Amino acid sequence: MTTESVRKARQKLVLDHFRDEVRQQWDDVLSTFPHPHYELVPTLTVHDGDSAVREYYRNTRVAFPDQHHEIISFRHSDDAVIVEFWLMGTHLGPLGGIPPTGSRFRVRMSAYFIFDASETLVCERVYFDTLSMLKQLLGGLDMKSPKNWLLAVRCFRGLLAMSGNAPAPALTETTPPVLAE
């Protein structure tokens, strides 16, 4: 069981992490864990290490320069802090192969901030519904207007290109826990 002081320390670290992400203070965000490691479950991608995580930050802020969040709930477990939140932003740059649509999104997410036995943050594992996000990004296109037809085709091609990436084995080849009876 975690103590109240451990919960408070974890909570401060996670809240600092969230705050610094919105401020795009990447050095400060990365200082919250010695070996940055993100797992994005819906896209089956892992960003591991300083340079990979910085590239992830760069790509997401090119796509959504105004990305921000609204925390819904904050929970503690023995080895993690679980945060449920709304992620919001405007699609002003390419998202992988999907060209910018100018649409806004608001997607409910959960992030597991996982700590090791020495209370070091070792992973941020994020869950969200990609269809909810895509519906908002692409659903705002007025398909009655011919000027959006080419953009819609480019978005579809971008989605197809992104779907061809191999999933990260760390997210697909898991070992079930051994549970005490």
Protein backbone atom coordinates (compact mmCIF):
# COMPACT_ATOMS: atom_id res chain seq x y z
CA MET A 1 0.00 0.00 0.00
CA THR A 2 1.22 3.47 -0.81
CA THR A 3 1.49 6.04 1.95
CA GLU A 4 -0.10 9.47 1.94
CA SER A 5 3.30 11.11 1.43
CA VAL A 6 4.00 8.88 -1.58
CA ARG A 7 0.58 9.74 -3.06
CA LYS A 8 1.23 13.47 -2.58
CA ALA A 9 4.68 13.24 -4.20
CA ARG A 10 3.32 11.26 -7.14
CA GLN A 11 0.41 13.66 -7.56
CA LYS A 12 2.73 16.67 -7.63
CA LEU A 13 4.99 15.01 -10.19
CA VAL A 14 2.07 14.07 -12.47
CA LEU A 15 0.45 17.51 -12.19
CA ASP A 16 3.80 19.15 -12.98
CA HIS A 17 4.12 16.80 -15.97
CA PHE A 18 0.66 17.80 -17.26
CA ARG A 19 1.28 21.53 -16.69
CA ASP A 20 4.63 21.49 -18.46
CA GLU A 21 3.19 19.58 -21.45
CA VAL A 22 0.61 22.33 -21.98
CA ARG A 23 3.33 24.98 -21.64
CA GLN A 24 5.47 22.94 -24.06
CA GLN A 25 8.37 23.04 -21.61
CA TRP A 26 9.82 19.76 -22.86
CA ASP A 27 12.95 19.74 -20.67
CA ASP A 28 10.75 20.12 -17.60
CA VAL A 29 8.35 17.37 -18.74
CA LEU A 30 11.24 15.01 -19.45
CA SER A 31 12.75 15.73 -16.04
CA THR A 32 9.74 13.95 -14.48
CA PHE A 33 11.13 10.60 -15.60
CA PRO A 34 14.79 9.63 -16.12
CA HIS A 35 14.03 7.43 -19.12
CA PRO A 36 11.03 8.87 -21.00
CA HIS A 37 8.65 6.17 -22.18
CA TYR A 38 5.17 6.63 -23.67
CA GLU A 39 2.85 3.84 -24.73
CA LEU A 40 -0.12 4.89 -26.88
CA VAL A 41 -2.36 1.85 -26.74
CA PRO A 42 -4.96 2.83 -29.38
CA THR A 43 -2.30 3.43 -32.04
CA LEU A 44 -0.08 0.54 -30.81
CA THR A 45 2.93 2.85 -30.71
CA VAL A 46 5.72 3.22 -28.18
CA HIS A 47 7.98 6.26 -27.89
CA ASP A 48 11.03 5.21 -25.89
CA GLY A 49 13.92 7.42 -24.87
CA ASP A 50 14.61 11.14 -24.92
CA SER A 51 14.87 11.68 -28.69
CA ALA A 52 11.84 9.50 -29.55
CA VAL A 53 9.67 11.27 -26.96
CA ARG A 54 10.84 14.72 -28.12
CA GLU A 55 9.90 13.74 -31.68
CA TYR A 56 6.47 12.62 -30.43
CA TYR A 57 6.02 15.99 -28.69
CA ARG A 58 7.12 17.86 -31.82
CA ASN A 59 4.79 15.90 -34.11
CA THR A 60 1.75 16.28 -31.87
CA ARG A 61 2.30 20.02 -31.37
CA VAL A 62 2.78 20.58 -35.10
CA ALA A 63 -0.59 18.86 -35.59
CA PHE A 64 -2.24 20.52 -32.57
CA PRO A 65 -0.27 23.63 -31.50
CA ASP A 66 -2.95 24.61 -28.97
CA GLN A 67 -3.25 21.13 -27.41
CA HIS A 68 -4.37 21.28 -23.80
CA HIS A 69 -6.34 19.24 -21.29
CA GLU A 70 -8.97 19.32 -18.58
CA ILE A 71 -8.55 16.82 -15.75
CA ILE A 72 -11.68 14.84 -14.89
CA SER A 73 -10.41 12.53 -12.14
CA PHE A 74 -7.23 11.51 -10.38
CA ARG A 75 -6.76 8.07 -8.81
CA HIS A 76 -3.95 6.26 -7.04
CA SER A 77 -3.03 2.59 -7.14
CA ASP A 78 -0.11 0.76 -5.56
CA ASP A 79 2.13 1.34 -8.58
CA ALA A 80 0.42 4.08 -10.60
CA VAL A 81 -1.48 7.32 -10.79
CA ILE A 82 -4.45 7.07 -13.15
CA VAL A 83 -5.67 10.33 -14.64
CA GLU A 84 -8.84 10.66 -16.65
CA PHE A 85 -8.94 13.84 -18.71
CA TRP A 86 -10.25 15.61 -21.79
CA LEU A 87 -7.61 16.32 -24.44
CA MET A 88 -8.46 19.21 -26.74
CA GLY A 89 -6.92 21.05 -29.63
CA THR A 90 -7.21 22.32 -33.19
CA HIS A 91 -5.90 20.33 -36.16
CA LEU A 92 -3.64 22.95 -37.78
CA GLY A 93 -0.77 20.76 -39.02
CA PRO A 94 -0.30 17.24 -40.38
CA LEU A 95 -1.10 14.34 -38.06
CA GLY A 96 1.06 11.60 -39.51
CA GLY A 97 -0.24 11.31 -43.05
CA ILE A 98 -3.49 13.20 -42.34
CA PRO A 99 -3.37 16.79 -43.60
CA PRO A 100 -4.71 19.56 -41.35
CA THR A 101 -8.48 19.97 -41.39
CA GLY A 102 -8.78 23.00 -39.12
CA SER A 103 -11.24 21.04 -36.97
CA ARG A 104 -11.24 21.09 -33.18
CA PHE A 105 -11.35 17.93 -31.09
CA ARG A 106 -12.24 17.04 -27.50
CA VAL A 107 -11.51 13.40 -26.61
CA ARG A 108 -11.80 11.66 -23.24
CA MET A 109 -8.59 9.85 -22.29
CA SER A 110 -7.00 7.89 -19.46
CA ALA A 111 -3.31 7.92 -18.68
CA TYR A 112 -1.55 5.50 -16.37
CA PHE A 113 1.59 7.01 -14.86
CA ILE A 114 3.47 3.91 -13.73
CA PHE A 115 6.07 4.00 -10.96
CA ASP A 116 8.72 1.42 -10.06
CA ALA A 117 9.65 0.25 -6.55
CA SER A 118 11.96 3.25 -6.05
CA GLU A 119 9.11 5.69 -6.89
CA THR A 120 10.55 6.60 -10.28
CA LEU A 121 8.09 7.33 -13.08
CA VAL A 122 8.88 4.70 -15.73
CA CYS A 123 5.97 4.95 -18.18
CA GLU A 124 3.00 7.00 -19.27
CA ARG A 125 0.49 4.63 -20.87
CA VAL A 126 -2.39 6.39 -22.64
CA TYR A 127 -5.78 5.01 -23.68
CA PHE A 128 -8.30 6.81 -25.89
CA ASP A 129 -10.79 6.18 -28.65
CA THR A 130 -9.19 7.04 -31.98
CA LEU A 131 -12.53 6.91 -33.79
CA SER A 132 -13.91 9.70 -31.57
CA MET A 133 -10.93 11.86 -32.48
CA LEU A 134 -11.06 11.05 -36.20
CA LYS A 135 -14.82 11.71 -36.35
CA GLN A 136 -14.19 15.17 -34.94
CA LEU A 137 -11.18 15.93 -37.15
CA LEU A 138 -12.71 14.64 -40.40
CA GLY A 139 -16.41 14.98 -39.62
CA GLY A 140 -16.14 18.75 -39.72
CA LEU A 141 -15.39 18.71 -43.44
CA ASP A 142 -18.33 19.96 -45.47
CA MET A 143 -18.56 17.28 -48.15
CA LYS A 144 -21.18 19.31 -50.06
CA SER A 145 -18.39 21.69 -50.94
CA PRO A 146 -16.19 20.44 -53.80
CA LYS A 147 -13.20 22.29 -52.33
CA ASN A 148 -13.16 19.71 -49.48
CA TRP A 149 -13.26 16.64 -51.71
CA LEU A 150 -9.52 16.63 -52.41
CA LEU A 151 -8.78 17.20 -48.71
CA ALA A 152 -11.03 14.26 -47.80
CA VAL A 153 -9.19 12.02 -50.27
CA ARG A 154 -5.83 13.16 -48.86
CA CYS A 155 -7.08 12.44 -45.31
CA PHE A 156 -8.22 8.97 -46.33
CA ARG A 157 -4.84 8.26 -47.96
CA GLY A 158 -3.10 9.52 -44.84
CA LEU A 159 -5.18 7.20 -42.67
CA LEU A 160 -4.35 4.25 -44.91
CA ALA A 161 -0.64 5.07 -44.79
CA MET A 162 -0.71 5.29 -41.00
CA SER A 163 -2.57 2.00 -40.65
CA GLY A 164 0.27 0.11 -42.34
CA ASN A 165 2.69 0.61 -39.45
CA ALA A 166 3.60 -2.51 -37.49
CA PRO A 167 2.30 -2.51 -33.89
CA ALA A 168 4.81 -2.19 -31.07
CA PRO A 169 5.43 -5.71 -29.70
CA ALA A 170 5.47 -4.35 -26.12
CA LEU A 171 1.77 -3.58 -26.56
CA THR A 172 0.72 -6.75 -28.36
CA GLU A 173 2.91 -9.45 -26.79
CA THR A 174 1.97 -9.23 -23.13
CA THR A 175 2.30 -11.79 -20.37
CA PRO A 176 -0.70 -12.39 -18.12
CA PRO A 177 -0.07 -11.72 -14.43
CA VAL A 178 0.23 -14.53 -11.94
CA LEU A 179 -2.65 -14.03 -9.52
CA ALA A 180 -2.69 -15.39 -6.01
CA GLU A 181 -5.63 -17.63 -5.22
